[in-house]
Amino acid sequence: MLDVTARQGLVVWVYSLKQIKALRHYGTVLYVSKRMKYVYLYLDEDKMADTIAKVEKLRFVKSAVPSPQAALRTEYAGDSSFAAGEDDEDDDAPKGEAHAHH
């Protein structure tokens, strides 16, 4: 049977983008923001604490923060989330002409 390991994202804020290749050693680089100077790493959840400690010791790293994505609600089913949009029946009517009589 296939064993699924829990994975989590790690946001690493850096001073310089020149050393991004060095971060590949700690996890998979999913995204690099050149404008905001951060790298999004993806790694095993059980290695997260050790990796944060190692990465924060690097000279070019400002800080490393675990991604809050695991704590976010991703299930959108239910009546309460879409109830406001379903009640408006005349949304398709052209604006300003809903009450015009010819």
N, C-alpha and C. Protein backbone atom coordinates (compact mmCIF):
# COMPACT_ATOMS: atom_id res chain seq x y z
N MET A 1 0.83 -1.18 0.00
CA MET A 1 0.00 0.00 0.00
C MET A 1 0.88 1.25 0.00
N LEU A 2 0.39 2.28 -0.55
CA LEU A 2 1.12 3.54 -0.66
C LEU A 2 0.98 4.35 0.62
N ASP A 3 2.09 4.71 1.22
CA ASP A 3 2.07 5.54 2.43
C ASP A 3 2.15 7.01 2.03
N VAL A 4 1.21 7.79 2.51
CA VAL A 4 1.17 9.22 2.21
C VAL A 4 1.77 9.98 3.39
N THR A 5 2.80 10.75 3.11
CA THR A 5 3.42 11.55 4.17
C THR A 5 2.78 12.93 4.17
N ALA A 6 2.57 13.45 5.36
CA ALA A 6 1.99 14.78 5.49
C ALA A 6 3.04 15.81 5.09
N ARG A 7 2.64 16.77 4.25
CA ARG A 7 3.55 17.81 3.77
C ARG A 7 2.98 19.17 4.15
N GLN A 8 3.88 20.13 4.28
CA GLN A 8 3.46 21.48 4.64
C GLN A 8 4.38 22.48 3.98
N GLY A 9 3.86 23.67 3.77
CA GLY A 9 4.63 24.74 3.17
C GLY A 9 5.41 25.53 4.20
N LEU A 10 6.52 26.09 3.78
CA LEU A 10 7.35 26.93 4.63
C LEU A 10 7.70 28.19 3.84
N VAL A 11 7.36 29.34 4.39
CA VAL A 11 7.67 30.61 3.75
C VAL A 11 8.99 31.12 4.33
N VAL A 12 9.98 31.31 3.46
CA VAL A 12 11.31 31.75 3.89
C VAL A 12 11.55 33.14 3.31
N TRP A 13 11.63 34.14 4.20
CA TRP A 13 11.90 35.51 3.80
C TRP A 13 13.42 35.68 3.72
N VAL A 14 13.91 36.22 2.60
CA VAL A 14 15.35 36.31 2.38
C VAL A 14 15.77 37.76 2.11
N TYR A 15 17.04 38.04 2.34
CA TYR A 15 17.61 39.35 2.02
C TYR A 15 17.98 39.43 0.54
N SER A 16 18.46 38.30 -0.01
CA SER A 16 18.91 38.27 -1.39
C SER A 16 18.43 36.99 -2.06
N LEU A 17 18.10 37.08 -3.33
CA LEU A 17 17.61 35.91 -4.06
C LEU A 17 18.73 35.11 -4.72
N LYS A 18 19.97 35.52 -4.53
CA LYS A 18 21.09 34.84 -5.18
C LYS A 18 21.31 33.43 -4.65
N GLN A 19 20.95 33.18 -3.41
CA GLN A 19 21.24 31.89 -2.78
C GLN A 19 20.03 30.94 -2.76
N ILE A 20 19.12 31.11 -3.68
CA ILE A 20 17.91 30.26 -3.70
C ILE A 20 18.27 28.80 -3.92
N LYS A 21 19.29 28.53 -4.68
CA LYS A 21 19.68 27.14 -4.93
C LYS A 21 20.06 26.43 -3.64
N ALA A 22 20.56 27.15 -2.67
CA ALA A 22 20.92 26.54 -1.38
C ALA A 22 19.68 26.06 -0.63
N LEU A 23 18.54 26.69 -0.86
CA LEU A 23 17.31 26.28 -0.18
C LEU A 23 16.72 25.00 -0.75
N ARG A 24 17.14 24.61 -1.94
CA ARG A 24 16.65 23.35 -2.53
C ARG A 24 17.06 22.14 -1.71
N HIS A 25 18.09 22.29 -0.92
CA HIS A 25 18.58 21.20 -0.07
C HIS A 25 17.56 20.87 1.03
N TYR A 26 16.76 21.85 1.45
CA TYR A 26 15.85 21.68 2.58
C TYR A 26 14.45 21.25 2.18
N GLY A 27 14.07 21.45 0.93
CA GLY A 27 12.74 21.07 0.47
C GLY A 27 12.55 21.45 -0.99
N THR A 28 11.37 21.21 -1.50
CA THR A 28 11.05 21.54 -2.88
C THR A 28 10.65 23.01 -2.97
N VAL A 29 11.30 23.75 -3.85
CA VAL A 29 10.98 25.16 -4.05
C VAL A 29 9.78 25.23 -4.99
N LEU A 30 8.64 25.71 -4.45
CA LEU A 30 7.43 25.82 -5.26
C LEU A 30 7.27 27.19 -5.90
N TYR A 31 7.68 28.23 -5.18
CA TYR A 31 7.46 29.57 -5.69
C TYR A 31 8.53 30.51 -5.16
N VAL A 32 8.94 31.46 -5.98
CA VAL A 32 9.89 32.50 -5.59
C VAL A 32 9.30 33.85 -5.96
N SER A 33 9.15 34.73 -4.98
CA SER A 33 8.67 36.08 -5.24
C SER A 33 9.88 37.00 -5.30
N LYS A 34 10.16 37.50 -6.48
CA LYS A 34 11.31 38.39 -6.65
C LYS A 34 11.03 39.77 -6.07
N ARG A 35 9.80 40.21 -6.18
CA ARG A 35 9.46 41.54 -5.69
C ARG A 35 9.41 41.59 -4.16
N MET A 36 8.81 40.56 -3.53
CA MET A 36 8.68 40.56 -2.07
C MET A 36 9.80 39.79 -1.37
N LYS A 37 10.65 39.14 -2.14
CA LYS A 37 11.83 38.42 -1.64
C LYS A 37 11.48 37.34 -0.62
N TYR A 38 10.68 36.39 -1.07
CA TYR A 38 10.44 35.21 -0.25
C TYR A 38 10.41 33.98 -1.14
N VAL A 39 10.65 32.83 -0.51
CA VAL A 39 10.65 31.54 -1.20
C VAL A 39 9.66 30.65 -0.48
N TYR A 40 8.83 29.94 -1.25
CA TYR A 40 7.87 29.01 -0.67
C TYR A 40 8.41 27.60 -0.86
N LEU A 41 8.78 26.97 0.25
CA LEU A 41 9.30 25.60 0.23
C LEU A 41 8.19 24.63 0.62
N TYR A 42 8.27 23.42 0.12
CA TYR A 42 7.31 22.36 0.44
C TYR A 42 8.12 21.20 0.98
N LEU A 43 7.82 20.76 2.22
CA LEU A 43 8.61 19.70 2.83
C LEU A 43 7.74 18.85 3.75
N ASP A 44 8.33 17.75 4.25
CA ASP A 44 7.61 16.85 5.14
C ASP A 44 7.29 17.57 6.45
N GLU A 45 6.07 17.31 6.95
CA GLU A 45 5.61 17.98 8.16
C GLU A 45 6.45 17.61 9.39
N ASP A 46 6.92 16.36 9.45
CA ASP A 46 7.69 15.92 10.62
C ASP A 46 9.09 16.53 10.67
N LYS A 47 9.57 17.06 9.55
CA LYS A 47 10.89 17.70 9.51
C LYS A 47 10.81 19.22 9.63
N MET A 48 9.61 19.74 9.86
CA MET A 48 9.40 21.18 9.83
C MET A 48 10.21 21.91 10.91
N ALA A 49 10.16 21.47 12.15
CA ALA A 49 10.86 22.17 13.25
C ALA A 49 12.37 22.19 13.03
N ASP A 50 12.93 21.05 12.62
CA ASP A 50 14.37 20.99 12.37
C ASP A 50 14.77 21.88 11.20
N THR A 51 13.96 21.88 10.16
CA THR A 51 14.28 22.66 8.97
C THR A 51 14.21 24.16 9.27
N ILE A 52 13.22 24.58 10.06
CA ILE A 52 13.12 26.00 10.40
C ILE A 52 14.36 26.44 11.17
N ALA A 53 14.80 25.61 12.11
CA ALA A 53 16.00 25.96 12.90
C ALA A 53 17.23 26.05 12.01
N LYS A 54 17.38 25.13 11.06
CA LYS A 54 18.55 25.14 10.17
C LYS A 54 18.51 26.32 9.20
N VAL A 55 17.33 26.58 8.63
CA VAL A 55 17.20 27.63 7.61
C VAL A 55 17.41 29.01 8.24
N GLU A 56 16.91 29.22 9.46
CA GLU A 56 17.05 30.53 10.08
C GLU A 56 18.50 30.86 10.45
N LYS A 57 19.35 29.86 10.50
CA LYS A 57 20.77 30.10 10.78
C LYS A 57 21.53 30.57 9.55
N LEU A 58 20.95 30.42 8.37
CA LEU A 58 21.61 30.85 7.13
C LEU A 58 21.69 32.38 7.10
N ARG A 59 22.79 32.89 6.57
CA ARG A 59 23.04 34.34 6.55
C ARG A 59 22.03 35.13 5.75
N PHE A 60 21.57 34.58 4.64
CA PHE A 60 20.71 35.34 3.74
C PHE A 60 19.23 35.24 4.09
N VAL A 61 18.88 34.57 5.20
CA VAL A 61 17.48 34.36 5.59
C VAL A 61 17.09 35.35 6.69
N LYS A 62 16.01 36.09 6.46
CA LYS A 62 15.46 36.99 7.48
C LYS A 62 14.68 36.18 8.51
N SER A 63 13.73 35.37 8.01
CA SER A 63 12.92 34.55 8.90
C SER A 63 12.27 33.43 8.10
N ALA A 64 11.79 32.43 8.83
CA ALA A 64 11.10 31.30 8.22
C ALA A 64 9.82 31.06 9.01
N VAL A 65 8.69 30.99 8.30
CA VAL A 65 7.38 30.87 8.94
C VAL A 65 6.62 29.71 8.29
N PRO A 66 6.07 28.79 9.10
CA PRO A 66 5.25 27.73 8.51
C PRO A 66 4.01 28.32 7.84
N SER A 67 3.61 27.74 6.74
CA SER A 67 2.46 28.22 6.02
C SER A 67 1.18 27.96 6.81
N PRO A 68 0.28 28.93 6.89
CA PRO A 68 -0.97 28.72 7.62
C PRO A 68 -2.02 27.98 6.80
N GLN A 69 -1.67 27.50 5.64
CA GLN A 69 -2.63 26.85 4.75
C GLN A 69 -3.27 25.62 5.37
N ALA A 70 -2.55 24.88 6.20
CA ALA A 70 -3.11 23.68 6.82
C ALA A 70 -4.22 24.03 7.81
N ALA A 71 -4.17 25.21 8.40
CA ALA A 71 -5.18 25.61 9.37
C ALA A 71 -6.41 26.24 8.73
N LEU A 72 -6.33 26.58 7.45
CA LEU A 72 -7.45 27.23 6.78
C LEU A 72 -8.53 26.22 6.41
N ARG A 73 -9.77 26.69 6.47
CA ARG A 73 -10.90 25.84 6.10
C ARG A 73 -10.97 25.77 4.58
N THR A 74 -11.00 24.57 4.04
CA THR A 74 -11.03 24.40 2.58
C THR A 74 -12.31 23.75 2.10
N GLU A 75 -13.25 23.49 2.99
CA GLU A 75 -14.52 22.88 2.60
C GLU A 75 -15.56 23.99 2.50
N TYR A 76 -16.14 24.16 1.33
CA TYR A 76 -17.04 25.27 1.09
C TYR A 76 -18.49 24.83 0.90
N ALA A 77 -18.82 23.59 1.17
CA ALA A 77 -20.18 23.10 0.99
C ALA A 77 -21.05 23.57 2.15
N GLY A 78 -22.32 23.75 1.88
CA GLY A 78 -23.25 24.16 2.93
C GLY A 78 -24.12 25.30 2.46
N ASP A 79 -25.22 25.50 3.15
CA ASP A 79 -26.17 26.52 2.75
C ASP A 79 -25.71 27.92 3.13
N SER A 80 -25.02 28.07 4.22
CA SER A 80 -24.69 29.41 4.72
C SER A 80 -23.69 30.15 3.83
N SER A 81 -22.83 29.46 3.12
CA SER A 81 -21.80 30.14 2.35
C SER A 81 -22.32 30.74 1.05
N PHE A 82 -23.35 30.14 0.46
CA PHE A 82 -23.85 30.62 -0.83
C PHE A 82 -25.27 31.19 -0.73
N ALA A 83 -25.83 31.30 0.45
CA ALA A 83 -27.22 31.72 0.60
C ALA A 83 -27.43 33.15 0.13
N ALA A 84 -26.49 34.02 0.36
CA ALA A 84 -26.66 35.42 -0.02
C ALA A 84 -26.74 35.59 -1.53
N GLY A 85 -26.00 34.84 -2.29
CA GLY A 85 -25.99 34.96 -3.74
C GLY A 85 -27.19 34.32 -4.41
N GLU A 86 -27.84 33.36 -3.78
CA GLU A 86 -28.96 32.65 -4.39
C GLU A 86 -30.27 33.41 -4.29
N ASP A 87 -30.40 34.35 -3.35
CA ASP A 87 -31.67 35.03 -3.14
C ASP A 87 -31.96 36.09 -4.18
N ASP A 88 -30.97 36.61 -4.85
CA ASP A 88 -31.15 37.68 -5.82
C ASP A 88 -31.57 37.09 -7.16
N GLU A 89 -32.88 37.24 -7.48
CA GLU A 89 -33.38 36.66 -8.72
C GLU A 89 -33.19 37.59 -9.90
N ASP A 90 -33.23 38.90 -9.68
CA ASP A 90 -33.16 39.84 -10.79
C ASP A 90 -31.75 40.36 -11.04
N ASP A 91 -30.74 39.59 -10.74
CA ASP A 91 -29.36 40.00 -10.99
C ASP A 91 -29.05 40.08 -12.49
N ASP A 92 -29.78 39.30 -13.29
CA ASP A 92 -29.51 39.27 -14.72
C ASP A 92 -30.17 40.43 -15.46
N ALA A 93 -31.05 41.17 -14.80
CA ALA A 93 -31.74 42.28 -15.44
C ALA A 93 -30.76 43.41 -15.66
N PRO A 94 -30.88 44.12 -16.79
CA PRO A 94 -29.98 45.26 -17.04
C PRO A 94 -30.18 46.32 -15.98
N LYS A 95 -29.12 46.98 -15.61
CA LYS A 95 -29.18 47.98 -14.56
C LYS A 95 -29.87 49.24 -15.06
N GLY A 96 -30.73 49.80 -14.22
CA GLY A 96 -31.43 51.03 -14.57
C GLY A 96 -32.68 50.80 -15.39
N GLU A 97 -32.91 49.62 -15.92
CA GLU A 97 -34.07 49.35 -16.75
C GLU A 97 -35.03 48.37 -16.11
N ALA A 98 -34.83 48.03 -14.85
CA ALA A 98 -35.65 47.02 -14.20
C ALA A 98 -37.09 47.51 -14.01
N HIS A 99 -37.28 48.83 -13.78
CA HIS A 99 -38.63 49.34 -13.52
C HIS A 99 -39.13 50.23 -14.67
N ALA A 100 -38.50 50.24 -15.79
CA ALA A 100 -38.90 51.09 -16.90
C ALA A 100 -40.09 50.48 -17.63
N HIS A 101 -41.08 51.31 -17.91
CA HIS A 101 -42.27 50.86 -18.65
C HIS A 101 -42.33 51.57 -19.98
N HIS A 102 -42.58 50.84 -21.03
CA HIS A 102 -42.63 51.43 -22.39
C HIS A 102 -44.02 51.44 -22.91
